PDB file of N, CA and C in Angstrom:
ATOM      1  N   MET A   1     102.982  97.270  80.811  1.00  0.00           N
ATOM      2  CA  MET A   1     104.168  96.874  81.570  1.00  0.00           C
ATOM      3  C   MET A   1     104.182  95.355  81.704  1.00  0.00           C
ATOM      4  N   GLY A   2     105.358  94.819  81.631  1.00  0.00           N
ATOM      5  CA  GLY A   2     105.510  93.380  81.697  1.00  0.00           C
ATOM      6  C   GLY A   2     105.620  92.867  83.126  1.00  0.00           C
ATOM      7  N   LEU A   3     105.571  91.563  83.230  1.00  0.00           N
ATOM      8  CA  LEU A   3     105.648  90.899  84.526  1.00  0.00           C
ATOM      9  C   LEU A   3     106.963  91.197  85.237  1.00  0.00           C
ATOM     10  N   GLU A   4     108.038  91.315  84.495  1.00  0.00           N
ATOM     11  CA  GLU A   4     109.350  91.505  85.123  1.00  0.00           C
ATOM     12  C   GLU A   4     109.435  92.818  85.900  1.00  0.00           C
ATOM     13  N   TYR A   5     108.730  93.856  85.447  1.00  0.00           N
ATOM     14  CA  TYR A   5     108.750  95.131  86.167  1.00  0.00           C
ATOM     15  C   TYR A   5     108.046  95.005  87.519  1.00  0.00           C
ATOM     16  N   TYR A   6     106.920  94.302  87.528  1.00  0.00           N
ATOM     17  CA  TYR A   6     106.219  94.099  88.793  1.00  0.00           C
ATOM     18  C   TYR A   6     107.041  93.253  89.752  1.00  0.00           C
ATOM     19  N   LEU A   7     107.703  92.241  89.236  1.00  0.00           N
ATOM     20  CA  LEU A   7     108.522  91.395  90.099  1.00  0.00           C
ATOM     21  C   LEU A   7     109.759  92.134  90.615  1.00  0.00           C
ATOM     22  N   MET A   8     110.329  93.002  89.788  1.00  0.00           N
ATOM     23  CA  MET A   8     111.465  93.810  90.260  1.00  0.00           C
ATOM     24  C   MET A   8     111.014  94.788  91.350  1.00  0.00           C
ATOM     25  N   LEU A   9     109.839  95.404  91.169  1.00  0.00           N
ATOM     26  CA  LEU A   9     109.305  96.296  92.194  1.00  0.00           C
ATOM     27  C   LEU A   9     109.022  95.524  93.472  1.00  0.00           C
ATOM     28  N   SER A  10     108.474  94.338  93.332  1.00  0.00           N
ATOM     29  CA  SER A  10     108.196  93.505  94.501  1.00  0.00           C
ATOM     30  C   SER A  10     109.496  93.140  95.224  1.00  0.00           C
ATOM     31  N   ALA A  11     110.521  92.785  94.458  1.00  0.00           N
ATOM     32  CA  ALA A  11     111.812  92.448  95.074  1.00  0.00           C
ATOM     33  C   ALA A  11     112.429  93.653  95.767  1.00  0.00           C
ATOM     34  N   LEU A  12     112.299  94.827  95.168  1.00  0.00           N
ATOM     35  CA  LEU A  12     112.820  96.049  95.779  1.00  0.00           C
ATOM     36  C   LEU A  12     112.095  96.370  97.084  1.00  0.00           C
ATOM     37  N   LEU A  13     110.766  96.247  97.082  1.00  0.00           N
ATOM     38  CA  LEU A  13     109.998  96.487  98.302  1.00  0.00           C
ATOM     39  C   LEU A  13     110.355  95.470  99.384  1.00  0.00           C
ATOM     40  N   PHE A  14     110.498  94.206  98.990  1.00  0.00           N
ATOM     41  CA  PHE A  14     110.830  93.175  99.964  1.00  0.00           C
ATOM     42  C   PHE A  14     112.219  93.409 100.551  1.00  0.00           C
ATOM     43  N   THR A  15     113.164  93.776  99.708  1.00  0.00           N
ATOM     44  CA  THR A  15     114.522  94.058 100.179  1.00  0.00           C
ATOM     45  C   THR A  15     114.544  95.253 101.127  1.00  0.00           C
ATOM     46  N   THR A  16     113.767  96.281 100.798  1.00  0.00           N
ATOM     47  CA  THR A  16     113.661  97.441 101.688  1.00  0.00           C
ATOM     48  C   THR A  16     113.110  97.026 103.050  1.00  0.00           C
ATOM     49  N   GLY A  17     112.108  96.154 103.053  1.00  0.00           N
ATOM     50  CA  GLY A  17     111.553  95.658 104.307  1.00  0.00           C
ATOM     51  C   GLY A  17     112.545  94.858 105.116  1.00  0.00           C
ATOM     52  N   VAL A  18     113.299  94.002 104.460  1.00  0.00           N
ATOM     53  CA  VAL A  18     114.299  93.186 105.163  1.00  0.00           C
ATOM     54  C   VAL A  18     115.383  94.067 105.766  1.00  0.00           C
ATOM     55  N   VAL A  19     115.852  95.042 105.001  1.00  0.00           N
ATOM     56  CA  VAL A  19     116.873  95.961 105.518  1.00  0.00           C
ATOM     57  C   VAL A  19     116.323  96.737 106.712  1.00  0.00           C
ATOM     58  N   GLY A  20     115.081  97.173 106.626  1.00  0.00           N
ATOM     59  CA  GLY A  20     114.469  97.895 107.738  1.00  0.00           C
ATOM     60  C   GLY A  20     114.359  97.058 108.995  1.00  0.00           C
ATOM     61  N   VAL A  21     114.013  95.782 108.845  1.00  0.00           N
ATOM     62  CA  VAL A  21     113.917  94.898 110.009  1.00  0.00           C
ATOM     63  C   VAL A  21     115.284  94.664 110.624  1.00  0.00           C
ATOM     64  N   LEU A  22     116.308  94.512 109.793  1.00  0.00           N
ATOM     65  CA  LEU A  22     117.643  94.213 110.313  1.00  0.00           C
ATOM     66  C   LEU A  22     118.358  95.427 110.886  1.00  0.00           C
ATOM     67  N   VAL A  23     118.057  96.626 110.373  1.00  0.00           N
ATOM     68  CA  VAL A  23     118.806  97.817 110.765  1.00  0.00           C
ATOM     69  C   VAL A  23     118.127  98.591 111.890  1.00  0.00           C
ATOM     70  N   ARG A  24     116.826  98.722 111.828  1.00  0.00           N
ATOM     71  CA  ARG A  24     116.106  99.569 112.784  1.00  0.00           C
ATOM     72  C   ARG A  24     115.930  98.880 114.126  1.00  0.00           C
ATOM     73  N   ARG A  25     115.799  99.669 115.182  1.00  0.00           N
ATOM     74  CA  ARG A  25     115.605  99.146 116.526  1.00  0.00           C
ATOM     75  C   ARG A  25     114.274  99.579 117.126  1.00  0.00           C
ATOM     76  N   ASN A  26     113.496 100.372 116.419  1.00  0.00           N
ATOM     77  CA  ASN A  26     112.194 100.822 116.898  1.00  0.00           C
ATOM     78  C   ASN A  26     111.156  99.761 116.526  1.00  0.00           C
ATOM     79  N   ALA A  27     110.362  99.321 117.500  1.00  0.00           N
ATOM     80  CA  ALA A  27     109.413  98.229 117.268  1.00  0.00           C
ATOM     81  C   ALA A  27     108.361  98.597 116.226  1.00  0.00           C
ATOM     82  N   ILE A  28     107.916  99.820 116.201  1.00  0.00           N
ATOM     83  CA  ILE A  28     106.891 100.224 115.231  1.00  0.00           C
ATOM     84  C   ILE A  28     107.479 100.247 113.821  1.00  0.00           C
ATOM     85  N   ILE A  29     108.700 100.714 113.663  1.00  0.00           N
ATOM     86  CA  ILE A  29     109.346 100.713 112.348  1.00  0.00           C
ATOM     87  C   ILE A  29     109.557  99.275 111.870  1.00  0.00           C
ATOM     88  N   ILE A  30     109.979  98.391 112.754  1.00  0.00           N
ATOM     89  CA  ILE A  30     110.149  96.986 112.398  1.00  0.00           C
ATOM     90  C   ILE A  30     108.816  96.393 111.971  1.00  0.00           C
ATOM     91  N   PHE A  31     107.778  96.725 112.696  1.00  0.00           N
ATOM     92  CA  PHE A  31     106.431  96.249 112.388  1.00  0.00           C
ATOM     93  C   PHE A  31     105.992  96.735 111.004  1.00  0.00           C
ATOM     94  N   MET A  32     106.255  97.987 110.684  1.00  0.00           N
ATOM     95  CA  MET A  32     105.904  98.526 109.368  1.00  0.00           C
ATOM     96  C   MET A  32     106.724  97.851 108.266  1.00  0.00           C
ATOM     97  N   CYS A  33     107.969  97.525 108.538  1.00  0.00           N
ATOM     98  CA  CYS A  33     108.799  96.847 107.532  1.00  0.00           C
ATOM     99  C   CYS A  33     108.295  95.430 107.272  1.00  0.00           C
ATOM    100  N   ILE A  34     107.805  94.760 108.293  1.00  0.00           N
ATOM    101  CA  ILE A  34     107.208  93.436 108.093  1.00  0.00           C
ATOM    102  C   ILE A  34     105.968  93.543 107.215  1.00  0.00           C
ATOM    103  N   GLU A  35     105.163  94.565 107.446  1.00  0.00           N
ATOM    104  CA  GLU A  35     103.985  94.781 106.595  1.00  0.00           C
ATOM    105  C   GLU A  35     104.403  95.098 105.159  1.00  0.00           C
ATOM    106  N   LEU A  36     105.501  95.815 104.983  1.00  0.00           N
ATOM    107  CA  LEU A  36     106.009  96.111 103.645  1.00  0.00           C
ATOM    108  C   LEU A  36     106.419  94.822 102.935  1.00  0.00           C
ATOM    109  N   MET A  37     107.034  93.902 103.671  1.00  0.00           N
ATOM    110  CA  MET A  37     107.408  92.627 103.073  1.00  0.00           C
ATOM    111  C   MET A  37     106.177  91.815 102.679  1.00  0.00           C
ATOM    112  N   LEU A  38     105.139  91.845 103.508  1.00  0.00           N
ATOM    113  CA  LEU A  38     103.896  91.157 103.153  1.00  0.00           C
ATOM    114  C   LEU A  38     103.274  91.746 101.896  1.00  0.00           C
ATOM    115  N   ASN A  39     103.285  93.062 101.789  1.00  0.00           N
ATOM    116  CA  ASN A  39     102.724  93.701 100.602  1.00  0.00           C
ATOM    117  C   ASN A  39     103.557  93.417  99.355  1.00  0.00           C
ATOM    118  N   ALA A  40     104.863  93.285  99.504  1.00  0.00           N
ATOM    119  CA  ALA A  40     105.708  92.928  98.365  1.00  0.00           C
ATOM    120  C   ALA A  40     105.377  91.522  97.880  1.00  0.00           C
ATOM    121  N   ALA A  41     105.172  90.605  98.804  1.00  0.00           N
ATOM    122  CA  ALA A  41     104.776  89.247  98.415  1.00  0.00           C
ATOM    123  C   ALA A  41     103.404  89.257  97.752  1.00  0.00           C
ATOM    124  N   ASN A  42     102.489  90.071  98.263  1.00  0.00           N
ATOM    125  CA  ASN A  42     101.161  90.185  97.647  1.00  0.00           C
ATOM    126  C   ASN A  42     101.256  90.717  96.226  1.00  0.00           C
ATOM    127  N   LEU A  43     102.108  91.698  96.001  1.00  0.00           N
ATOM    128  CA  LEU A  43     102.291  92.243  94.659  1.00  0.00           C
ATOM    129  C   LEU A  43     102.800  91.177  93.699  1.00  0.00           C
ATOM    130  N   ALA A  44     103.726  90.358  94.160  1.00  0.00           N
ATOM    131  CA  ALA A  44     104.246  89.285  93.314  1.00  0.00           C
ATOM    132  C   ALA A  44     103.160  88.255  93.015  1.00  0.00           C
ATOM    133  N   PHE A  45     102.362  87.908  94.017  1.00  0.00           N
ATOM    134  CA  PHE A  45     101.263  86.967  93.796  1.00  0.00           C
ATOM    135  C   PHE A  45     100.273  87.487  92.754  1.00  0.00           C
ATOM    136  N   VAL A  46      99.886  88.740  92.887  1.00  0.00           N
ATOM    137  CA  VAL A  46      98.906  89.316  91.958  1.00  0.00           C
ATOM    138  C   VAL A  46      99.493  89.427  90.558  1.00  0.00           C
ATOM    139  N   ALA A  47     100.736  89.833  90.448  1.00  0.00           N
ATOM    140  CA  ALA A  47     101.363  89.983  89.133  1.00  0.00           C
ATOM    141  C   ALA A  47     101.470  88.640  88.419  1.00  0.00           C
ATOM    142  N   ILE A  48     101.902  87.617  89.126  1.00  0.00           N
ATOM    143  CA  ILE A  48     102.028  86.298  88.504  1.00  0.00           C
ATOM    144  C   ILE A  48     100.651  85.738  88.178  1.00  0.00           C
ATOM    145  N   SER A  49      99.699  85.931  89.074  1.00  0.00           N
ATOM    146  CA  SER A  49      98.343  85.463  88.832  1.00  0.00           C
ATOM    147  C   SER A  49      97.745  86.118  87.593  1.00  0.00           C
ATOM    148  N   ARG A  50      97.975  87.402  87.447  1.00  0.00           N
ATOM    149  CA  ARG A  50      97.438  88.125  86.293  1.00  0.00           C
ATOM    150  C   ARG A  50      98.113  87.685  84.995  1.00  0.00           C
ATOM    151  N   SER A  51      99.406  87.447  85.062  1.00  0.00           N
ATOM    152  CA  SER A  51     100.110  87.044  83.844  1.00  0.00           C
ATOM    153  C   SER A  51      99.704  85.640  83.391  1.00  0.00           C
ATOM    154  N   LEU A  52      99.337  84.780  84.341  1.00  0.00           N
ATOM    155  CA  LEU A  52      98.897  83.433  83.999  1.00  0.00           C
ATOM    156  C   LEU A  52      97.406  83.363  83.675  1.00  0.00           C
ATOM    157  N   GLY A  53      96.687  84.438  83.956  1.00  0.00           N
ATOM    158  CA  GLY A  53      95.253  84.465  83.687  1.00  0.00           C
ATOM    159  C   GLY A  53      94.431  83.651  84.666  1.00  0.00           C
ATOM    160  N   GLN A  54      94.953  83.463  85.874  1.00  0.00           N
ATOM    161  CA  GLN A  54      94.252  82.692  86.895  1.00  0.00           C
ATOM    162  C   GLN A  54      93.932  83.596  88.072  1.00  0.00           C
ATOM    163  N   THR A  55      93.011  83.159  88.914  1.00  0.00           N
ATOM    164  CA  THR A  55      92.607  83.987  90.054  1.00  0.00           C
ATOM    165  C   THR A  55      93.091  83.429  91.393  1.00  0.00           C
ATOM    166  N   GLU A  56      93.785  82.305  91.395  1.00  0.00           N
ATOM    167  CA  GLU A  56      94.206  81.710  92.666  1.00  0.00           C
ATOM    168  C   GLU A  56      95.152  82.620  93.447  1.00  0.00           C
ATOM    169  N   GLY A  57      96.037  83.315  92.762  1.00  0.00           N
ATOM    170  CA  GLY A  57      96.953  84.234  93.430  1.00  0.00           C
ATOM    171  C   GLY A  57      96.225  85.388  94.084  1.00  0.00           C
ATOM    172  N   GLN A  58      95.203  85.884  93.419  1.00  0.00           N
ATOM    173  CA  GLN A  58      94.436  86.995  93.982  1.00  0.00           C
ATOM    174  C   GLN A  58      93.613  86.552  95.185  1.00  0.00           C
ATOM    175  N   VAL A  59      93.108  85.334  95.147  1.00  0.00           N
ATOM    176  CA  VAL A  59      92.377  84.797  96.302  1.00  0.00           C
ATOM    177  C   VAL A  59      93.333  84.607  97.474  1.00  0.00           C
ATOM    178  N   PHE A  60      94.536  84.128  97.187  1.00  0.00           N
ATOM    179  CA  PHE A  60      95.535  83.946  98.239  1.00  0.00           C
ATOM    180  C   PHE A  60      95.904  85.287  98.871  1.00  0.00           C
ATOM    181  N   VAL A  61      96.011  86.319  98.042  1.00  0.00           N
ATOM    182  CA  VAL A  61      96.315  87.662  98.550  1.00  0.00           C
ATOM    183  C   VAL A  61      95.214  88.143  99.485  1.00  0.00           C
ATOM    184  N   PHE A  62      93.979  87.835  99.160  1.00  0.00           N
ATOM    185  CA  PHE A  62      92.861  88.221 100.035  1.00  0.00           C
ATOM    186  C   PHE A  62      93.025  87.608 101.420  1.00  0.00           C
ATOM    187  N   PHE A  63      93.401  86.340 101.481  1.00  0.00           N
ATOM    188  CA  PHE A  63      93.596  85.692 102.781  1.00  0.00           C
ATOM    189  C   PHE A  63      94.822  86.236 103.511  1.00  0.00           C
ATOM    190  N   VAL A  64      95.885  86.540 102.777  1.00  0.00           N
ATOM    191  CA  VAL A  64      97.075  87.126 103.399  1.00  0.00           C
ATOM    192  C   VAL A  64      96.742  88.490 103.992  1.00  0.00           C
ATOM    193  N   MET A  65      95.941  89.289 103.291  1.00  0.00           N
ATOM    194  CA  MET A  65      95.553  90.599 103.809  1.00  0.00           C
ATOM    195  C   MET A  65      94.680  90.469 105.052  1.00  0.00           C
ATOM    196  N   THR A  66      93.848  89.443 105.094  1.00  0.00           N
ATOM    197  CA  THR A  66      93.015  89.203 106.277  1.00  0.00           C
ATOM    198  C   THR A  66      93.879  88.859 107.482  1.00  0.00           C
ATOM    199  N   VAL A  67      94.849  87.995 107.291  1.00  0.00           N
ATOM    200  CA  VAL A  67      95.756  87.629 108.382  1.00  0.00           C
ATOM    201  C   VAL A  67      96.606  88.831 108.788  1.00  0.00           C
ATOM    202  N   ALA A  68      97.032  89.647 107.818  1.00  0.00           N
ATOM    203  CA  ALA A  68      97.831  90.835 108.127  1.00  0.00           C
ATOM    204  C   ALA A  68      97.035  91.841 108.950  1.00  0.00           C
ATOM    205  N   ALA A  69      95.740  91.964 108.671  1.00  0.00           N
ATOM    206  CA  ALA A  69      94.913  92.879 109.460  1.00  0.00           C
ATOM    207  C   ALA A  69      94.808  92.408 110.908  1.00  0.00           C
ATOM    208  N   ALA A  70      94.663  91.112 111.102  1.00  0.00           N
ATOM    209  CA  ALA A  70      94.625  90.573 112.461  1.00  0.00           C
ATOM    210  C   ALA A  70      95.978  90.754 113.145  1.00  0.00           C
ATOM    211  N   GLU A  71      97.048  90.581 112.396  1.00  0.00           N
ATOM    212  CA  GLU A  71      98.395  90.770 112.942  1.00  0.00           C
ATOM    213  C   GLU A  71      98.598  92.208 113.392  1.00  0.00           C
ATOM    214  N   VAL A  72      98.111  93.148 112.610  1.00  0.00           N
ATOM    215  CA  VAL A  72      98.254  94.562 112.975  1.00  0.00           C
ATOM    216  C   VAL A  72      97.522  94.849 114.270  1.00  0.00           C
ATOM    217  N   ALA A  73      96.308  94.347 114.397  1.00  0.00           N
ATOM    218  CA  ALA A  73      95.531  94.610 115.619  1.00  0.00           C
ATOM    219  C   ALA A  73      96.229  94.033 116.847  1.00  0.00           C
ATOM    220  N   ILE A  74      96.686  92.806 116.754  1.00  0.00           N
ATOM    221  CA  ILE A  74      97.327  92.163 117.905  1.00  0.00           C
ATOM    222  C   ILE A  74      98.723  92.743 118.143  1.00  0.00           C
ATOM    223  N   GLY A  75      99.475  92.960 117.079  1.00  0.00           N
ATOM    224  CA  GLY A  75     100.832  93.490 117.215  1.00  0.00           C
ATOM    225  C   GLY A  75     100.861  94.876 117.821  1.00  0.00           C
ATOM    226  N   LEU A  76      99.979  95.743 117.357  1.00  0.00           N
ATOM    227  CA  LEU A  76      99.943  97.091 117.934  1.00  0.00           C
ATOM    228  C   LEU A  76      99.488  97.076 119.387  1.00  0.00           C
ATOM    229  N   ALA A  77      98.584  96.167 119.729  1.00  0.00           N
ATOM    230  CA  ALA A  77      98.168  96.055 121.137  1.00  0.00           C
ATOM    231  C   ALA A  77      99.342  95.616 122.007  1.00  0.00           C
ATOM    232  N   ILE A  78     100.146  94.701 121.517  1.00  0.00           N
ATOM    233  CA  ILE A  78     101.321  94.255 122.275  1.00  0.00           C
ATOM    234  C   ILE A  78     102.336  95.390 122.407  1.00  0.00           C
ATOM    235  N   ILE A  79     102.565  96.128 121.325  1.00  0.00           N
ATOM    236  CA  ILE A  79     103.518  97.243 121.369  1.00  0.00           C
ATOM    237  C   ILE A  79     103.055  98.312 122.349  1.00  0.00           C
ATOM    238  N   VAL A  80     101.763  98.635 122.345  1.00  0.00           N
ATOM    239  CA  VAL A  80     101.225  99.641 123.271  1.00  0.00           C
ATOM    240  C   VAL A  80     101.360  99.152 124.711  1.00  0.00           C
ATOM    241  N   SER A  81     101.090  97.870 124.946  1.00  0.00           N
ATOM    242  CA  SER A  81     101.215  97.313 126.297  1.00  0.00           C
ATOM    243  C   SER A  81     102.662  97.354 126.786  1.00  0.00           C
ATOM    244  N   VAL A  82     103.605  96.989 125.913  1.00  0.00           N
ATOM    245  CA  VAL A  82     105.020  97.043 126.292  1.00  0.00           C
ATOM    246  C   VAL A  82     105.443  98.475 126.565  1.00  0.00           C
ATOM    247  N   PHE A  83     104.981  99.426 125.746  1.00  0.00           N
ATOM    248  CA  PHE A  83     105.331 100.821 125.974  1.00  0.00           C
ATOM    249  C   PHE A  83     104.767 101.324 127.295  1.00  0.00           C
ATOM    250  N   LYS A  84     103.561 100.890 127.633  1.00  0.00           N
ATOM    251  CA  LYS A  84     102.944 101.338 128.882  1.00  0.00           C
ATOM    252  C   LYS A  84     103.733 100.849 130.098  1.00  0.00           C
ATOM    253  N   HIS A  85     104.284  99.644 130.018  1.00  0.00           N
ATOM    254  CA  HIS A  85     105.021  99.091 131.156  1.00  0.00           C
ATOM    255  C   HIS A  85     106.497  99.486 131.175  1.00  0.00           C
ATOM    256  N   ARG A  86     107.114  99.634 130.016  1.00  0.00           N
ATOM    257  CA  ARG A  86     108.552  99.894 129.947  1.00  0.00           C
ATOM    258  C   ARG A  86     108.914 101.326 129.574  1.00  0.00           C
ATOM    259  N   GLN A  87     107.972 102.106 129.058  1.00  0.00           N
ATOM    260  CA  GLN A  87     108.194 103.486 128.609  1.00  0.00           C
ATOM    261  C   GLN A  87     109.189 103.566 127.452  1.00  0.00           C
ATOM    262  N   THR A  88     109.334 102.485 126.696  1.00  0.00           N
ATOM    263  CA  THR A  88     110.188 102.488 125.516  1.00  0.00           C
ATOM    264  C   THR A  88     109.692 101.421 124.546  1.00  0.00           C
ATOM    265  N   ILE A  89     109.957 101.648 123.262  1.00  0.00           N
ATOM    266  CA  ILE A  89     109.656 100.626 122.263  1.00  0.00           C
ATOM    267  C   ILE A  89     110.919 100.234 121.504  1.00  0.00           C
ATOM    268  N   ASN A  90     112.065 100.582 122.066  1.00  0.00           N
ATOM    269  CA  ASN A  90     113.341 100.188 121.496  1.00  0.00           C
ATOM    270  C   ASN A  90     113.551  98.707 121.803  1.00  0.00           C
ATOM    271  N   VAL A  91     113.765  97.885 120.768  1.00  0.00           N
ATOM    272  CA  VAL A  91     113.854  96.446 120.985  1.00  0.00           C
ATOM    273  C   VAL A  91     115.120  96.039 121.725  1.00  0.00           C
ATOM    274  N   ASP A  92     116.144  96.867 121.732  1.00  0.00           N
ATOM    275  CA  ASP A  92     117.353  96.545 122.495  1.00  0.00           C
ATOM    276  C   ASP A  92     117.121  96.685 123.998  1.00  0.00           C
ATOM    277  N   GLU A  93     116.272  97.600 124.383  1.00  0.00           N
ATOM    278  CA  GLU A  93     115.996  97.827 125.801  1.00  0.00           C
ATOM    279  C   GLU A  93     114.914  96.905 126.334  1.00  0.00           C
ATOM    280  N   VAL A  94     114.074  96.392 125.478  1.00  0.00           N
ATOM    281  CA  VAL A  94     113.018  95.461 125.876  1.00  0.00           C
ATOM    282  C   VAL A  94     113.481  94.068 125.483  1.00  0.00           C
ATOM    283  N   ASN A  95     114.270  93.455 126.351  1.00  0.00           N
ATOM    284  CA  ASN A  95     114.860  92.166 126.013  1.00  0.00           C
ATOM    285  C   ASN A  95     114.134  90.991 126.640  1.00  0.00           C
ATOM    286  N   SER A  96     113.200  91.239 127.525  1.00  0.00           N
ATOM    287  CA  SER A  96     112.408  90.146 128.100  1.00  0.00           C
ATOM    288  C   SER A  96     111.007  90.644 128.383  1.00  0.00           C
ATOM    289  N   LEU A  97     110.077  89.741 128.469  1.00  0.00           N
ATOM    290  CA  LEU A  97     108.686  90.105 128.728  1.00  0.00           C
ATOM    291  C   LEU A  97     108.311  89.893 130.181  1.00  0.00           C
ATOM    292  N   LYS A  98     109.305  89.753 131.059  1.00  0.00           N
ATOM    293  CA  LYS A  98     109.012  89.602 132.473  1.00  0.00           C
ATOM    294  C   LYS A  98     108.473  90.921 133.015  1.00  0.00           C
ATOM    295  N   GLY A  99     107.537  90.832 133.942  1.00  0.00           N
ATOM    296  CA  GLY A  99     106.935  92.039 134.528  1.00  0.00           C
ATOM    297  C   GLY A  99     107.688  92.509 135.660  1.00  0.00           C
TER     298      GLY A  99
END
């Protein structure tokens, strides 16, 4: 398979993530769509890196995955905390972080 197929798949995944962030109102679904966009960017990095025969893209993906793992831990903790205090994770109903 050529580079263009991987880039088209990456663009499709990224577009799906953007649509999910803009359309959905559930915080967990939005969070998953952001992770989908990160993975689409990672796929593009790896595909281009492989086609050029270099490893810099793959190293960059490793660091992006590390930051994404930290984001998941902190983001889910914030979502759980908001749910515990507000009893909802709908972003329209949680419009401020005041206690």
